[in-house]
Amino acid sequence: MTASQEKAFDMIAMSGFGGGIWANYIPDGVTGEFDSYDPVGLMAGDLIKADCSLSWRGPEGKTYCFSTAPSLVYFQDFPERNIRKAKKAYESLTSGKPGS
């Protein structure tokens, strides 16, 4: 198991997701970049909506929302590269959708 995988499993265990009550707090009005779609999902070619209970704020002050802890951990390994890839994928996946 890699260090990133161990970190992801630790985050899941701390969240209560693995065997207890899901108790993450989602502040009202929080939205993320890419219309709150999970950036890792975007890079994989999927539009996976995230509720922002798992999020990361970049150095530029933008918030990125994730659907799973492993997705967040993977993203954090190379955030600048992943932001560029997710932006390109988001533009491609949402072009032609109403409201995009």
C-alpha atoms as a PDB file:
ATOM      1  CA  MET A   1       0.000   0.000   0.000  1.00  0.00           C
ATOM      2  CA  THR A   2       1.379   3.404  -0.939  1.00  0.00           C
ATOM      3  CA  ALA A   3       1.599   6.355   1.438  1.00  0.00           C
ATOM      4  CA  SER A   4      -1.183   8.115  -0.495  1.00  0.00           C
ATOM      5  CA  GLN A   5      -3.457   5.083  -0.174  1.00  0.00           C
ATOM      6  CA  GLU A   6      -2.766   4.846   3.560  1.00  0.00           C
ATOM      7  CA  LYS A   7      -3.591   8.539   3.928  1.00  0.00           C
ATOM      8  CA  ALA A   8      -6.874   8.048   2.034  1.00  0.00           C
ATOM      9  CA  PHE A   9      -7.892   5.134   4.252  1.00  0.00           C
ATOM     10  CA  ASP A  10      -7.036   7.156   7.366  1.00  0.00           C
ATOM     11  CA  MET A  11      -9.202  10.036   6.116  1.00  0.00           C
ATOM     12  CA  ILE A  12     -12.125   7.679   5.503  1.00  0.00           C
ATOM     13  CA  ALA A  13     -11.748   6.148   8.951  1.00  0.00           C
ATOM     14  CA  MET A  14     -11.663   9.584  10.609  1.00  0.00           C
ATOM     15  CA  SER A  15     -14.773  10.704   8.716  1.00  0.00           C
ATOM     16  CA  GLY A  16     -16.912   7.899  10.106  1.00  0.00           C
ATOM     17  CA  PHE A  17     -17.812   6.759   6.597  1.00  0.00           C
ATOM     18  CA  GLY A  18     -16.440   3.274   7.013  1.00  0.00           C
ATOM     19  CA  GLY A  19     -18.538   2.143   9.937  1.00  0.00           C
ATOM     20  CA  GLY A  20     -20.559   4.822  11.608  1.00  0.00           C
ATOM     21  CA  ILE A  21     -22.644   7.889  11.101  1.00  0.00           C
ATOM     22  CA  TRP A  22     -21.704  10.141   8.193  1.00  0.00           C
ATOM     23  CA  ALA A  23     -21.052  13.349  10.095  1.00  0.00           C
ATOM     24  CA  ASN A  24     -19.346  15.803   7.781  1.00  0.00           C
ATOM     25  CA  TYR A  25     -20.510  19.394   8.006  1.00  0.00           C
ATOM     26  CA  ILE A  26     -21.353  21.162   4.761  1.00  0.00           C
ATOM     27  CA  PRO A  27     -21.547  24.957   5.184  1.00  0.00           C
ATOM     28  CA  ASP A  28     -24.468  26.653   3.441  1.00  0.00           C
ATOM     29  CA  GLY A  29     -23.690  28.204   0.099  1.00  0.00           C
ATOM     30  CA  VAL A  30     -20.377  26.421  -0.471  1.00  0.00           C
ATOM     31  CA  THR A  31     -19.754  25.664  -4.111  1.00  0.00           C
ATOM     32  CA  GLY A  32     -16.610  24.480  -5.753  1.00  0.00           C
ATOM     33  CA  GLU A  33     -14.811  25.106  -8.971  1.00  0.00           C
ATOM     34  CA  PHE A  34     -16.101  23.213 -11.981  1.00  0.00           C
ATOM     35  CA  ASP A  35     -19.711  23.596 -10.737  1.00  0.00           C
ATOM     36  CA  SER A  36     -18.794  21.374  -7.752  1.00  0.00           C
ATOM     37  CA  TYR A  37     -17.908  18.381  -9.921  1.00  0.00           C
ATOM     38  CA  ASP A  38     -15.145  16.160  -8.538  1.00  0.00           C
ATOM     39  CA  PRO A  39     -11.919  17.143 -10.384  1.00  0.00           C
ATOM     40  CA  VAL A  40     -10.629  13.554 -10.407  1.00  0.00           C
ATOM     41  CA  GLY A  41     -13.915  12.376 -11.874  1.00  0.00           C
ATOM     42  CA  LEU A  42     -13.598  15.046 -14.553  1.00  0.00           C
ATOM     43  CA  MET A  43     -10.107  13.841 -15.422  1.00  0.00           C
ATOM     44  CA  ALA A  44     -11.562  10.331 -15.776  1.00  0.00           C
ATOM     45  CA  GLY A  45     -14.230  11.661 -18.143  1.00  0.00           C
ATOM     46  CA  ASP A  46     -17.185  11.644 -15.721  1.00  0.00           C
ATOM     47  CA  LEU A  47     -19.371  14.395 -14.261  1.00  0.00           C
ATOM     48  CA  ILE A  48     -19.520  13.354 -10.586  1.00  0.00           C
ATOM     49  CA  LYS A  49     -21.271  15.954  -8.437  1.00  0.00           C
ATOM     50  CA  ALA A  50     -19.730  16.502  -4.998  1.00  0.00           C
ATOM     51  CA  ASP A  51     -21.483  18.051  -1.996  1.00  0.00           C
ATOM     52  CA  CYS A  52     -18.299  19.833  -0.801  1.00  0.00           C
ATOM     53  CA  SER A  53     -18.158  17.917   2.494  1.00  0.00           C
ATOM     54  CA  LEU A  54     -14.654  16.998   1.281  1.00  0.00           C
ATOM     55  CA  SER A  55     -12.916  20.013  -0.164  1.00  0.00           C
ATOM     56  CA  TRP A  56      -9.536  21.607  -0.716  1.00  0.00           C
ATOM     57  CA  ARG A  57      -8.741  25.297  -1.064  1.00  0.00           C
ATOM     58  CA  GLY A  58      -5.956  26.066  -3.492  1.00  0.00           C
ATOM     59  CA  PRO A  59      -3.339  28.772  -3.028  1.00  0.00           C
ATOM     60  CA  GLU A  60      -5.345  30.969  -5.427  1.00  0.00           C
ATOM     61  CA  GLY A  61      -8.287  30.809  -2.970  1.00  0.00           C
ATOM     62  CA  LYS A  62     -10.524  28.576  -5.098  1.00  0.00           C
ATOM     63  CA  THR A  63     -12.386  25.654  -3.536  1.00  0.00           C
ATOM     64  CA  TYR A  64     -12.385  22.202  -5.133  1.00  0.00           C
ATOM     65  CA  CYS A  65     -14.990  19.651  -3.983  1.00  0.00           C
ATOM     66  CA  PHE A  66     -14.492  15.879  -3.931  1.00  0.00           C
ATOM     67  CA  SER A  67     -16.891  12.949  -3.826  1.00  0.00           C
ATOM     68  CA  THR A  68     -14.491  10.625  -1.952  1.00  0.00           C
ATOM     69  CA  ALA A  69     -11.471  10.899   0.325  1.00  0.00           C
ATOM     70  CA  PRO A  70      -9.248   8.871  -2.049  1.00  0.00           C
ATOM     71  CA  SER A  71     -10.134  11.326  -4.821  1.00  0.00           C
ATOM     72  CA  LEU A  72      -9.014  14.250  -2.634  1.00  0.00           C
ATOM     73  CA  VAL A  73      -5.760  12.517  -1.661  1.00  0.00           C
ATOM     74  CA  TYR A  74      -4.967  11.627  -5.276  1.00  0.00           C
ATOM     75  CA  PHE A  75      -5.647  15.228  -6.336  1.00  0.00           C
ATOM     76  CA  GLN A  76      -3.334  16.633  -3.656  1.00  0.00           C
ATOM     77  CA  ASP A  77      -0.331  14.701  -4.977  1.00  0.00           C
ATOM     78  CA  PHE A  78      -0.014  17.111  -7.943  1.00  0.00           C
ATOM     79  CA  PRO A  79      -2.654  19.842  -7.511  1.00  0.00           C
ATOM     80  CA  GLU A  80      -1.474  22.298 -10.183  1.00  0.00           C
ATOM     81  CA  ARG A  81      -1.301  19.608 -12.852  1.00  0.00           C
ATOM     82  CA  ASN A  82      -4.624  18.147 -11.780  1.00  0.00           C
ATOM     83  CA  ILE A  83      -6.334  21.557 -11.854  1.00  0.00           C
ATOM     84  CA  ARG A  84      -5.177  22.060 -15.449  1.00  0.00           C
ATOM     85  CA  LYS A  85      -6.352  18.586 -16.478  1.00  0.00           C
ATOM     86  CA  ALA A  86      -9.699  18.942 -14.697  1.00  0.00           C
ATOM     87  CA  LYS A  87     -10.302  22.366 -16.256  1.00  0.00           C
ATOM     88  CA  LYS A  88      -9.675  21.007 -19.742  1.00  0.00           C
ATOM     89  CA  ALA A  89     -11.931  18.000 -19.085  1.00  0.00           C
ATOM     90  CA  TYR A  90     -14.674  20.188 -17.579  1.00  0.00           C
ATOM     91  CA  GLU A  91     -14.688  22.449 -20.625  1.00  0.00           C
ATOM     92  CA  SER A  92     -14.868  19.431 -22.918  1.00  0.00           C
ATOM     93  CA  LEU A  93     -17.558  17.592 -20.930  1.00  0.00           C
ATOM     94  CA  THR A  94     -19.806  20.623 -20.443  1.00  0.00           C
ATOM     95  CA  SER A  95     -19.515  22.270 -23.855  1.00  0.00           C
ATOM     96  CA  GLY A  96     -22.912  22.128 -25.455  1.00  0.00           C
ATOM     97  CA  LYS A  97     -24.759  21.543 -22.168  1.00  0.00           C
ATOM     98  CA  PRO A  98     -27.472  24.127 -21.375  1.00  0.00           C
ATOM     99  CA  GLY A  99     -26.162  26.748 -18.968  1.00  0.00           C
ATOM    100  CA  SER A 100     -22.498  26.054 -19.652  1.00  0.00           C
END
